[in-house]
Protein backbone atom coordinates (compact mmCIF):
# COMPACT_ATOMS: atom_id res chain seq x y z
CA MET A 1 -0.04 -0.08 -0.11
CA TRP A 2 1.06 3.55 -0.71
CA TYR A 3 1.21 5.86 2.29
CA PHE A 4 -0.25 9.11 1.33
CA PRO A 5 0.23 11.60 4.46
CA ALA A 6 -1.56 14.82 4.95
CA LEU A 7 0.15 17.44 2.71
CA THR A 8 -0.82 20.65 4.65
CA GLN A 9 2.17 20.16 7.01
CA TYR A 10 4.54 20.85 4.18
CA LYS A 11 2.98 23.70 2.42
CA ASN A 12 5.09 26.22 4.08
CA ARG A 13 8.20 24.55 2.78
CA ALA A 14 7.09 24.44 -0.92
CA LEU A 15 9.63 24.67 -3.55
CA CYS A 16 8.83 26.42 -6.84
CA MET A 17 10.08 23.66 -9.15
CA ARG A 18 9.13 22.26 -12.38
CA ILE A 19 9.48 18.28 -12.26
CA LEU A 20 9.36 15.81 -14.94
CA MET A 21 7.57 12.57 -13.65
CA VAL A 22 8.32 9.45 -15.74
CA GLU A 23 5.93 7.14 -14.37
CA ASP A 24 3.69 4.58 -16.29
CA GLU A 25 1.64 3.21 -13.22
CA PRO A 26 -1.78 5.50 -13.29
CA GLU A 27 -2.34 5.19 -9.56
CA MET A 28 1.34 6.11 -8.45
CA ALA A 29 1.72 8.88 -10.83
CA SER A 30 -1.61 10.39 -9.51
CA LEU A 31 -0.57 10.28 -5.96
CA ILE A 32 3.01 11.71 -6.73
CA ARG A 33 1.39 14.48 -8.93
CA GLN A 34 -1.18 15.32 -6.13
CA ALA A 35 1.70 15.62 -3.58
CA LEU A 36 3.89 17.76 -5.69
CA GLU A 37 1.36 20.10 -6.84
CA ALA A 38 0.06 20.55 -3.21
CA GLN A 39 3.57 22.12 -2.76
CA GLY A 40 3.14 24.57 -5.60
CA MET A 41 5.30 22.56 -7.99
CA VAL A 42 4.54 22.26 -11.85
CA VAL A 43 4.49 18.55 -12.94
CA ASP A 44 4.97 17.28 -16.42
CA GLY A 45 4.25 13.58 -17.03
CA ALA A 46 5.72 10.99 -19.26
CA VAL A 47 4.80 7.34 -19.54
CA SER A 48 7.76 5.99 -21.82
CA ILE A 49 11.42 6.55 -22.41
CA LEU A 50 10.34 8.00 -25.96
CA GLN A 51 8.01 10.59 -24.20
CA ALA A 52 10.77 11.42 -21.60
CA ARG A 53 13.32 11.91 -24.30
CA ALA A 54 11.26 14.35 -26.01
CA ALA A 55 10.45 16.26 -22.76
CA LEU A 56 14.31 16.34 -21.91
CA GLN A 57 15.07 17.96 -25.36
CA GLN A 58 14.13 21.37 -23.68
CA PRO A 59 15.74 22.68 -20.50
CA LEU A 60 12.56 23.22 -18.77
CA HIS A 61 12.82 21.01 -15.80
CA ASP A 62 14.48 21.05 -12.30
CA LEU A 63 14.35 17.56 -11.48
CA VAL A 64 13.36 14.21 -12.99
CA LEU A 65 11.59 11.25 -11.20
CA LEU A 66 12.51 8.45 -13.30
CA ASP A 67 10.78 4.77 -12.98
CA ARG A 68 13.02 2.30 -14.20
CA GLN A 69 10.29 -0.20 -15.59
CA LEU A 70 8.87 1.47 -18.47
CA PRO A 71 7.03 -0.11 -21.27
CA ASP A 72 9.89 0.44 -23.76
CA GLY A 73 12.87 -0.15 -21.66
CA ASP A 74 14.90 0.69 -18.53
CA GLY A 75 14.37 4.05 -17.83
CA ALA A 76 17.82 4.43 -16.35
CA SER A 77 19.05 4.44 -19.98
CA LEU A 78 17.93 8.25 -20.04
CA ILE A 79 20.34 9.28 -17.44
CA VAL A 80 23.38 9.30 -19.64
CA GLU A 81 21.50 11.08 -22.39
CA ALA A 82 20.22 13.71 -19.75
CA ARG A 83 23.67 14.33 -18.32
CA SER A 84 25.04 14.99 -21.75
CA SER A 85 23.15 17.99 -22.21
CA ARG A 86 22.57 19.06 -18.52
CA PRO A 87 25.09 17.42 -16.33
CA HIS A 88 23.69 19.05 -13.07
CA LEU A 89 20.01 18.05 -13.73
CA PRO A 90 18.78 16.11 -10.31
CA ILE A 91 17.47 12.65 -11.11
CA ILE A 92 15.70 10.40 -8.55
CA LEU A 93 15.16 6.81 -9.77
CA LEU A 94 12.00 4.95 -8.82
CA THR A 95 11.82 1.12 -8.97
CA GLY A 96 9.99 -1.91 -7.89
CA LYS A 97 13.45 -3.78 -7.76
CA ARG A 98 14.92 -4.15 -4.25
CA ASP A 99 18.25 -5.72 -5.27
CA VAL A 100 21.13 -3.85 -3.90
CA SER A 101 23.09 -4.31 -7.09
CA GLU A 102 20.25 -2.64 -9.11
CA ARG A 103 20.53 0.43 -6.92
CA VAL A 104 24.10 0.71 -7.11
CA HIS A 105 24.08 0.28 -10.90
CA GLY A 106 21.44 3.22 -10.99
CA LEU A 107 23.43 5.41 -8.83
CA ASP A 108 26.70 4.56 -10.80
CA LEU A 109 24.99 5.74 -14.01
CA GLY A 110 24.61 9.17 -12.37
CA ALA A 111 21.15 9.12 -10.48
CA ASP A 112 21.29 11.64 -7.61
CA ASP A 113 18.94 9.37 -5.31
CA TYR A 114 16.99 6.02 -5.43
CA LEU A 115 13.84 4.85 -4.02
CA SER A 116 12.40 1.39 -4.04
CA LYS A 117 8.45 0.83 -4.35
CA PRO A 118 6.54 0.88 -2.33
CA PHE A 119 7.59 4.05 -0.70
CA ALA A 120 6.13 6.59 1.59
CA VAL A 121 5.31 9.83 -0.49
CA GLU A 122 6.36 11.96 2.20
CA GLU A 123 9.85 10.29 2.06
CA LEU A 124 9.87 11.23 -1.71
CA MET A 125 9.10 14.80 -0.86
CA ALA A 126 11.83 15.05 1.87
CA ARG A 127 14.41 13.85 -0.65
CA ILE A 128 13.15 16.35 -3.27
CA ARG A 129 13.31 19.15 -0.68
CA ALA A 130 16.81 18.06 0.12
CA ILE A 131 18.06 18.16 -3.36
CA GLY A 132 16.32 21.54 -3.67
CA ARG A 133 18.46 23.04 -0.75
CA ARG A 134 21.73 22.03 -2.62
CA PRO A 135 23.54 24.91 -4.42
CA ALA A 136 22.12 25.61 -7.75
CA GLN A 137 24.56 24.84 -10.69
CA VAL A 138 23.87 27.95 -12.73
CA SER A 139 26.17 30.10 -14.59
CA ILE A 140 24.22 33.28 -13.36
CA PRO A 141 23.10 33.08 -9.73
CA THR A 142 21.53 36.32 -9.61
CA VAL A 143 20.17 39.11 -12.01
CA SER A 144 19.44 42.74 -11.00
CA VAL A 145 17.26 44.96 -13.10
CA GLY A 146 16.29 48.36 -11.60
CA ARG A 147 16.00 47.91 -7.79
CA LEU A 148 14.89 44.35 -8.38
CA THR A 149 17.11 41.36 -7.70
CA PHE A 150 16.12 37.63 -8.76
CA ASN A 151 18.07 34.85 -6.84
CA PHE A 152 18.11 31.69 -9.21
CA SER A 153 19.53 29.52 -6.47
CA THR A 154 16.69 30.33 -3.90
CA ARG A 155 14.00 31.37 -6.46
CA GLU A 156 13.45 34.45 -4.70
CA ALA A 157 12.62 38.05 -5.80
CA LEU A 158 14.13 40.85 -3.86
CA VAL A 159 13.79 44.57 -3.79
CA ASP A 160 16.45 46.22 -1.76
CA ASN A 161 17.33 43.02 -0.26
CA LEU A 162 13.87 42.53 1.08
CA PRO A 163 11.86 39.54 -0.31
CA VAL A 164 8.89 40.13 -2.48
CA PRO A 165 6.18 37.43 -1.89
CA LEU A 166 4.67 36.25 -5.01
CA PRO A 167 2.24 33.37 -6.12
CA ARG A 168 3.79 30.56 -7.69
CA ARG A 169 2.64 31.40 -11.40
CA GLN A 170 3.85 35.12 -11.16
CA LEU A 171 7.24 33.92 -9.62
CA LEU A 172 7.61 31.58 -12.64
CA VAL A 173 6.73 34.37 -15.08
CA LEU A 174 9.27 36.70 -13.18
CA GLU A 175 12.06 34.03 -13.43
CA ALA A 176 11.54 33.51 -17.04
CA LEU A 177 11.64 37.41 -17.66
CA CYS A 178 14.76 37.75 -15.56
CA LEU A 179 16.55 34.86 -17.41
CA ARG A 180 16.23 37.15 -20.37
CA ALA A 181 16.27 40.47 -18.65
CA GLU A 182 16.39 43.61 -21.10
CA ARG A 183 15.73 41.11 -24.03
CA THR A 184 12.26 40.39 -25.68
CA VAL A 185 10.96 37.23 -24.46
CA LEU A 186 8.72 35.21 -26.92
CA ARG A 187 5.18 34.52 -25.60
CA GLU A 188 5.63 30.85 -26.59
CA TRP A 189 8.78 30.43 -24.59
CA LEU A 190 7.35 32.09 -21.64
CA ILE A 191 4.26 29.71 -21.58
CA GLU A 192 6.62 26.75 -21.87
CA ARG A 193 8.47 27.99 -18.44
CA VAL A 194 5.37 28.66 -16.80
CA TYR A 195 2.86 25.93 -17.64
CA GLY A 196 3.14 22.32 -17.44
CA PHE A 197 2.42 20.21 -20.56
CA GLU A 198 -1.08 18.90 -19.18
CA ASP A 199 -2.18 22.26 -17.91
CA GLU A 200 -5.09 23.63 -19.59
CA ILE A 201 -4.25 27.07 -20.48
CA GLN A 202 -6.94 29.88 -21.13
CA SER A 203 -6.27 32.27 -23.89
CA ASN A 204 -5.84 35.16 -21.45
CA ALA A 205 -4.20 33.39 -18.40
CA LEU A 206 -0.60 34.57 -19.22
CA ASP A 207 -1.79 38.05 -19.64
CA ALA A 208 -3.44 38.06 -16.25
CA HIS A 209 -0.36 36.80 -14.46
CA ILE A 210 1.62 39.53 -16.30
CA SER A 211 -0.93 42.11 -15.24
CA LYS A 212 -0.95 41.19 -11.57
CA LEU A 213 2.96 40.97 -11.72
CA ARG A 214 3.23 44.24 -13.13
CA ARG A 215 1.10 45.78 -10.32
CA GLN A 216 2.82 43.81 -7.57
CA LEU A 217 6.33 45.24 -8.87
CA GLU A 218 5.03 48.66 -9.02
CA ALA A 219 3.66 48.46 -5.40
CA VAL A 220 7.12 47.61 -4.15
CA GLU A 221 8.83 50.22 -6.24
CA ALA A 222 11.02 47.46 -7.97
CA GLY A 223 12.18 50.04 -10.68
CA VAL A 224 11.20 47.81 -13.45
CA THR A 225 8.61 47.60 -16.32
CA ILE A 226 7.08 44.73 -18.12
CA HIS A 227 6.54 45.93 -21.77
CA VAL A 228 4.26 44.03 -23.91
CA ILE A 229 5.94 43.56 -27.56
CA ARG A 230 2.63 43.13 -29.46
CA GLY A 231 2.41 39.95 -31.30
CA ILE A 232 5.89 38.72 -29.99
CA GLY A 233 6.24 38.63 -26.30
CA TYR A 234 7.36 40.54 -23.31
CA LEU A 235 10.29 42.77 -22.14
CA LEU A 236 11.54 43.18 -18.59
CA LYS A 237 13.54 46.69 -18.47
CA ALA A 238 14.59 49.07 -15.70
CA ASN A 239 12.56 52.26 -15.61
């Protein structure tokens, strides 16, 4: 049986992460997705090596949950491929195999962690939080525009070193805009950064998040403006 704990106890420790879950068991995938989304994470699902390979072609995800026993082969075979393009992408292997040699093999291939099924969902969440606390391997740890600073390691927006509380979607929008500060961000690229593959996106949803984020940045006098480049995308610039 899966142990599925009350999730409210973890909400204050939510990590704003986008996770690729490669899992073909519907029940388990549903439980994991529910636990992750309850903590404010964006979850993309894949049920095969083929789907996961396609998802990993874009650098959208902060962590991969990878089942080993997939319909088209051993999920661990994806580790080397993922490491070739993103050497620091965290990967947690999930498997029904309990043999120690299997675990050692998966870790030797480059996995960051390993969980044998069945496992307590709260243990998985604890391991994800532990990985999320590691120093981020990014070439630009912070970006400053106007009085606004975005810390990519902690995923925190600051104005004059004071944190700016933002809902998850607005935080993801701001992160994407800060990644390309002072440059035009295509609308399609921004949508990929903010929404999961399975999210139903209303036509004006992104514009609503942009509008709310703009008002919040104005309220804290961040010294930046989000410009709409009609028909193309958005541009974050200092005032």
